[in-house]
C-alpha atoms as a PDB file:
ATOM      1  CA  MET A   1     163.141 -13.800-125.636  1.00  0.00           C
ATOM      2  CA  LEU A   2     164.011 -14.460-121.990  1.00  0.00           C
ATOM      3  CA  GLN A   3     160.953 -16.722-121.653  1.00  0.00           C
ATOM      4  CA  ARG A   4     162.162 -18.863-124.555  1.00  0.00           C
ATOM      5  CA  ILE A   5     165.628 -19.247-123.002  1.00  0.00           C
ATOM      6  CA  LEU A   6     164.139 -20.161-119.632  1.00  0.00           C
ATOM      7  CA  ALA A   7     161.796 -22.691-121.280  1.00  0.00           C
ATOM      8  CA  LEU A   8     164.753 -24.248-123.114  1.00  0.00           C
ATOM      9  CA  ALA A   9     166.813 -24.425-119.895  1.00  0.00           C
ATOM     10  CA  GLN A  10     163.878 -25.993-118.061  1.00  0.00           C
ATOM     11  CA  LYS A  11     163.505 -28.619-120.805  1.00  0.00           C
ATOM     12  CA  GLU A  12     167.228 -29.496-120.550  1.00  0.00           C
ATOM     13  CA  PHE A  13     167.080 -29.856-116.757  1.00  0.00           C
ATOM     14  CA  ILE A  14     164.079 -32.158-117.084  1.00  0.00           C
ATOM     15  CA  GLN A  15     165.999 -34.271-119.636  1.00  0.00           C
ATOM     16  CA  ILE A  16     169.048 -34.458-117.354  1.00  0.00           C
ATOM     17  CA  ARG A  17     166.866 -35.522-114.453  1.00  0.00           C
ATOM     18  CA  ARG A  18     165.315 -38.318-116.570  1.00  0.00           C
ATOM     19  CA  ASP A  19     168.650 -39.700-117.799  1.00  0.00           C
ATOM     20  CA  ARG A  20     170.957 -40.289-114.812  1.00  0.00           C
ATOM     21  CA  ARG A  21     173.843 -41.449-117.045  1.00  0.00           C
ATOM     22  CA  ASN A  22     174.164 -37.970-118.574  1.00  0.00           C
ATOM     23  CA  LEU A  23     174.250 -36.439-115.106  1.00  0.00           C
ATOM     24  CA  ALA A  24     176.916 -38.904-114.004  1.00  0.00           C
ATOM     25  CA  MET A  25     179.016 -38.190-117.096  1.00  0.00           C
ATOM     26  CA  MET A  26     178.675 -34.448-116.607  1.00  0.00           C
ATOM     27  CA  LEU A  27     179.925 -34.679-113.025  1.00  0.00           C
ATOM     28  CA  VAL A  28     182.244 -37.707-112.901  1.00  0.00           C
ATOM     29  CA  LEU A  29     184.205 -37.336-116.151  1.00  0.00           C
ATOM     30  CA  PRO A  30     185.517 -33.809-115.504  1.00  0.00           C
ATOM     31  CA  ILE A  31     186.549 -34.812-111.969  1.00  0.00           C
ATOM     32  CA  LEU A  32     188.238 -37.964-113.306  1.00  0.00           C
ATOM     33  CA  TRP A  33     190.115 -35.994-115.967  1.00  0.00           C
ATOM     34  CA  LEU A  34     191.174 -33.439-113.377  1.00  0.00           C
ATOM     35  CA  ILE A  35     192.642 -36.173-111.186  1.00  0.00           C
ATOM     36  CA  LEU A  36     194.322 -37.965-114.084  1.00  0.00           C
ATOM     37  CA  PHE A  37     195.878 -34.871-115.617  1.00  0.00           C
ATOM     38  CA  GLY A  38     196.809 -33.472-112.216  1.00  0.00           C
ATOM     39  CA  TYR A  39     198.482 -36.538-110.760  1.00  0.00           C
ATOM     40  CA  ALA A  40     198.794 -39.452-113.158  1.00  0.00           C
ATOM     41  CA  PHE A  41     199.892 -37.719-116.353  1.00  0.00           C
ATOM     42  CA  THR A  42     202.900 -35.599-115.644  1.00  0.00           C
ATOM     43  CA  PHE A  43     204.682 -33.870-118.476  1.00  0.00           C
ATOM     44  CA  ASP A  44     207.563 -32.605-116.351  1.00  0.00           C
ATOM     45  CA  VAL A  45     210.858 -34.302-117.012  1.00  0.00           C
ATOM     46  CA  GLY A  46     212.954 -34.935-113.915  1.00  0.00           C
ATOM     47  CA  GLU A  47     216.382 -35.575-115.424  1.00  0.00           C
ATOM     48  CA  VAL A  48     217.549 -34.698-118.907  1.00  0.00           C
ATOM     49  CA  PRO A  49     220.445 -36.565-120.545  1.00  0.00           C
ATOM     50  CA  VAL A  50     222.837 -33.945-121.959  1.00  0.00           C
ATOM     51  CA  ALA A  51     225.938 -34.302-124.113  1.00  0.00           C
ATOM     52  CA  VAL A  52     228.471 -31.472-123.716  1.00  0.00           C
ATOM     53  CA  VAL A  53     231.454 -30.916-125.996  1.00  0.00           C
ATOM     54  CA  ASP A  54     233.888 -28.136-125.098  1.00  0.00           C
ATOM     55  CA  ARG A  55     236.144 -27.123-127.980  1.00  0.00           C
ATOM     56  CA  SER A  56     236.703 -23.574-126.712  1.00  0.00           C
ATOM     57  CA  GLY A  57     240.008 -23.847-124.936  1.00  0.00           C
ATOM     58  CA  THR A  58     239.032 -20.871-122.752  1.00  0.00           C
ATOM     59  CA  THR A  59     238.262 -20.491-119.060  1.00  0.00           C
ATOM     60  CA  ILE A  60     234.760 -19.236-119.886  1.00  0.00           C
ATOM     61  CA  GLY A  61     234.084 -22.264-122.095  1.00  0.00           C
ATOM     62  CA  ALA A  62     235.355 -24.598-119.382  1.00  0.00           C
ATOM     63  CA  ALA A  63     233.155 -22.876-116.773  1.00  0.00           C
ATOM     64  CA  VAL A  64     230.090 -23.234-119.012  1.00  0.00           C
ATOM     65  CA  ALA A  65     230.855 -26.923-119.662  1.00  0.00           C
ATOM     66  CA  ASP A  66     231.378 -27.597-115.931  1.00  0.00           C
ATOM     67  CA  ALA A  67     228.147 -25.780-115.040  1.00  0.00           C
ATOM     68  CA  LEU A  68     226.158 -27.836-117.550  1.00  0.00           C
ATOM     69  CA  ARG A  69     227.728 -31.132-116.482  1.00  0.00           C
ATOM     70  CA  SER A  70     227.248 -30.490-112.761  1.00  0.00           C
ATOM     71  CA  TYR A  71     223.650 -29.191-112.922  1.00  0.00           C
ATOM     72  CA  ASP A  72     221.439 -31.452-110.819  1.00  0.00           C
ATOM     73  CA  ARG A  73     218.681 -31.848-113.442  1.00  0.00           C
ATOM     74  CA  PHE A  74     221.116 -32.756-116.252  1.00  0.00           C
ATOM     75  CA  VAL A  75     222.643 -36.213-116.581  1.00  0.00           C
ATOM     76  CA  PRO A  76     225.900 -36.122-118.567  1.00  0.00           C
ATOM     77  CA  ALA A  77     225.861 -38.459-121.559  1.00  0.00           C
ATOM     78  CA  ASP A  78     229.051 -40.231-122.605  1.00  0.00           C
ATOM     79  CA  LEU A  79     230.144 -39.565-126.162  1.00  0.00           C
ATOM     80  CA  PRO A  80     232.427 -41.914-128.084  1.00  0.00           C
ATOM     81  CA  GLU A  81     233.440 -38.977-130.280  1.00  0.00           C
ATOM     82  CA  PRO A  82     233.454 -35.466-128.737  1.00  0.00           C
ATOM     83  CA  SER A  83     232.128 -33.568-131.756  1.00  0.00           C
ATOM     84  CA  GLU A  84     228.891 -32.307-133.256  1.00  0.00           C
ATOM     85  CA  ALA A  85     228.555 -35.607-135.129  1.00  0.00           C
ATOM     86  CA  GLY A  86     228.966 -37.448-131.815  1.00  0.00           C
ATOM     87  CA  ILE A  87     226.229 -35.313-130.256  1.00  0.00           C
ATOM     88  CA  ARG A  88     223.899 -35.977-133.188  1.00  0.00           C
ATOM     89  CA  GLU A  89     224.596 -39.719-132.953  1.00  0.00           C
ATOM     90  CA  ALA A  90     223.871 -39.728-129.193  1.00  0.00           C
ATOM     91  CA  ILE A  91     220.586 -37.896-129.800  1.00  0.00           C
ATOM     92  CA  PHE A  92     219.689 -40.297-132.626  1.00  0.00           C
ATOM     93  CA  ARG A  93     220.378 -43.330-130.386  1.00  0.00           C
ATOM     94  CA  GLY A  94     218.288 -41.805-127.569  1.00  0.00           C
ATOM     95  CA  GLU A  95     221.251 -41.471-125.191  1.00  0.00           C
ATOM     96  CA  ALA A  96     220.880 -37.675-125.041  1.00  0.00           C
ATOM     97  CA  VAL A  97     217.958 -35.278-125.342  1.00  0.00           C
ATOM     98  CA  MET A  98     220.130 -32.197-125.642  1.00  0.00           C
ATOM     99  CA  GLY A  99     223.620 -31.556-126.904  1.00  0.00           C
ATOM    100  CA  VAL A 100     225.702 -28.440-126.244  1.00  0.00           C
ATOM    101  CA  LEU A 101     228.695 -27.670-128.440  1.00  0.00           C
ATOM    102  CA  ILE A 102     230.996 -24.934-127.157  1.00  0.00           C
ATOM    103  CA  PRO A 103     232.887 -23.676-130.240  1.00  0.00           C
ATOM    104  CA  PRO A 104     236.579 -22.744-130.401  1.00  0.00           C
ATOM    105  CA  GLY A 105     237.259 -19.289-128.977  1.00  0.00           C
ATOM    106  CA  TYR A 106     234.007 -19.122-126.997  1.00  0.00           C
ATOM    107  CA  GLY A 107     234.430 -16.336-124.469  1.00  0.00           C
ATOM    108  CA  ASP A 108     237.341 -14.740-126.345  1.00  0.00           C
ATOM    109  CA  GLU A 109     235.664 -14.008-129.657  1.00  0.00           C
ATOM    110  CA  ALA A 110     232.566 -11.805-129.729  1.00  0.00           C
ATOM    111  CA  ASP A 111     230.802 -13.826-132.434  1.00  0.00           C
ATOM    112  CA  ALA A 112     231.301 -17.292-130.873  1.00  0.00           C
ATOM    113  CA  GLU A 113     227.966 -18.717-129.684  1.00  0.00           C
ATOM    114  CA  LEU A 114     226.855 -21.916-127.964  1.00  0.00           C
ATOM    115  CA  HIS A 115     225.339 -24.488-130.309  1.00  0.00           C
ATOM    116  CA  ILE A 116     222.425 -26.269-128.677  1.00  0.00           C
ATOM    117  CA  LEU A 117     220.888 -29.308-130.343  1.00  0.00           C
ATOM    118  CA  LEU A 118     217.556 -30.658-129.042  1.00  0.00           C
ATOM    119  CA  ASP A 119     215.768 -33.925-129.757  1.00  0.00           C
ATOM    120  CA  GLY A 120     212.481 -32.799-131.288  1.00  0.00           C
ATOM    121  CA  ALA A 121     211.084 -36.343-131.199  1.00  0.00           C
ATOM    122  CA  ASN A 122     210.812 -36.118-127.412  1.00  0.00           C
ATOM    123  CA  LEU A 123     208.902 -32.854-127.149  1.00  0.00           C
ATOM    124  CA  PHE A 124     208.434 -32.588-123.382  1.00  0.00           C
ATOM    125  CA  ALA A 125     212.034 -33.488-122.589  1.00  0.00           C
ATOM    126  CA  ALA A 126     213.305 -31.018-125.205  1.00  0.00           C
ATOM    127  CA  GLN A 127     211.117 -28.229-123.826  1.00  0.00           C
ATOM    128  CA  SER A 128     212.250 -28.997-120.274  1.00  0.00           C
ATOM    129  CA  ALA A 129     215.894 -28.986-121.343  1.00  0.00           C
ATOM    130  CA  ALA A 130     215.501 -25.647-123.116  1.00  0.00           C
ATOM    131  CA  ARG A 131     213.833 -24.125-120.040  1.00  0.00           C
ATOM    132  CA  LEU A 132     216.566 -25.435-117.709  1.00  0.00           C
ATOM    133  CA  ILE A 133     219.528 -23.955-119.611  1.00  0.00           C
ATOM    134  CA  PRO A 134     219.479 -20.475-117.942  1.00  0.00           C
ATOM    135  CA  GLY A 135     219.394 -22.018-114.469  1.00  0.00           C
ATOM    136  CA  ALA A 136     222.188 -24.421-115.356  1.00  0.00           C
ATOM    137  CA  LEU A 137     224.413 -21.593-116.571  1.00  0.00           C
ATOM    138  CA  GLU A 138     224.051 -19.463-113.411  1.00  0.00           C
ATOM    139  CA  PRO A 139     227.192 -20.874-111.698  1.00  0.00           C
ATOM    140  CA  ALA A 140     229.264 -19.976-114.775  1.00  0.00           C
ATOM    141  CA  GLN A 141     228.127 -16.349-114.651  1.00  0.00           C
ATOM    142  CA  GLU A 142     230.533 -15.504-111.809  1.00  0.00           C
ATOM    143  CA  VAL A 143     233.480 -16.886-113.778  1.00  0.00           C
ATOM    144  CA  VAL A 144     232.377 -14.960-116.871  1.00  0.00           C
ATOM    145  CA  ARG A 145     231.967 -11.774-114.843  1.00  0.00           C
ATOM    146  CA  ALA A 146     235.417 -12.143-113.231  1.00  0.00           C
ATOM    147  CA  GLU A 147     237.038 -12.886-116.604  1.00  0.00           C
ATOM    148  CA  LEU A 148     235.423  -9.854-118.227  1.00  0.00           C
ATOM    149  CA  GLN A 149     236.425  -7.615-115.316  1.00  0.00           C
ATOM    150  CA  ALA A 150     240.031  -8.806-115.547  1.00  0.00           C
ATOM    151  CA  ARG A 151     240.080  -8.191-119.308  1.00  0.00           C
ATOM    152  CA  THR A 152     238.555  -4.744-118.874  1.00  0.00           C
ATOM    153  CA  ARG A 153     241.052  -3.806-116.160  1.00  0.00           C
ATOM    154  CA  ALA A 154     243.962  -4.981-118.311  1.00  0.00           C
ATOM    155  CA  HIS A 155     242.644  -3.053-121.310  1.00  0.00           C
ATOM    156  CA  VAL A 156     242.112   0.134-119.277  1.00  0.00           C
ATOM    157  CA  ALA A 157     245.595  -0.185-117.721  1.00  0.00           C
ATOM    158  CA  GLU A 158     247.035  -0.578-121.216  1.00  0.00           C
ATOM    159  CA  LEU A 159     245.186   2.518-122.452  1.00  0.00           C
ATOM    160  CA  ILE A 160     246.352   4.519-119.423  1.00  0.00           C
ATOM    161  CA  ALA A 161     249.951   3.392-119.971  1.00  0.00           C
ATOM    162  CA  GLU A 162     249.764   4.387-123.648  1.00  0.00           C
ATOM    163  CA  ALA A 163     248.273   7.769-122.773  1.00  0.00           C
ATOM    164  CA  ALA A 164     250.930   8.317-120.090  1.00  0.00           C
ATOM    165  CA  GLU A 165     253.722   7.433-122.537  1.00  0.00           C
ATOM    166  CA  ALA A 166     252.261   9.781-125.150  1.00  0.00           C
ATOM    167  CA  ARG A 167     251.967  12.579-122.589  1.00  0.00           C
ATOM    168  CA  LYS A 168     255.492  11.905-121.307  1.00  0.00           C
ATOM    169  CA  ALA A 169     256.871  12.076-124.857  1.00  0.00           C
ATOM    170  CA  GLU A 170     254.926  15.284-125.425  1.00  0.00           C
ATOM    171  CA  VAL A 171     256.265  16.883-122.235  1.00  0.00           C
ATOM    172  CA  LEU A 172     259.834  15.773-122.984  1.00  0.00           C
ATOM    173  CA  GLU A 173     259.579  17.113-126.524  1.00  0.00           C
ATOM    174  CA  GLY A 174     258.266  20.410-125.182  1.00  0.00           C
ATOM    175  CA  ALA A 175     261.089  20.625-122.627  1.00  0.00           C
ATOM    176  CA  ALA A 176     263.756  19.788-125.167  1.00  0.00           C
ATOM    177  CA  SER A 177     262.763  22.480-127.644  1.00  0.00           C
ATOM    178  CA  PRO A 178     263.746  26.048-126.689  1.00  0.00           C
ATOM    179  CA  PRO A 179     260.904  28.541-126.164  1.00  0.00           C
END
């Protein structure tokens, strides 16, 4: 079996040696493709046009909108109408690749989520935009953290005050009633 494989390999090497064009194609084409795909064809998108609409009315929503608008790889797109329809129109016209709609109550309500619309016609730009979102939202994380800490502190202080009032009423009721 090994002799047959070696004989077949020897026959192929003889054929390659006879036809220099095959040898050139086997060596030059992969190197050419490597150069072209490595340097000439780049699928990385440098700047992504983004439309941001903040309807939240909260400090967290404003921080998220500011973080998205000020991110260095995002270019803010101007919207004639700040709404989901305006975002869709900007994407349809090619003025934006991604749109972010921050809904009312975002940051205050537990079920409020960001709405992100991507232009699927421009695949590489849409994929780049989706990958860049976590990095763009990093500056807003400190504001979100501070807001949540303040809310938690206020809630805990309220619970402590309620518990203290209940205990005070209990102690006063116990002192007022004779043993």
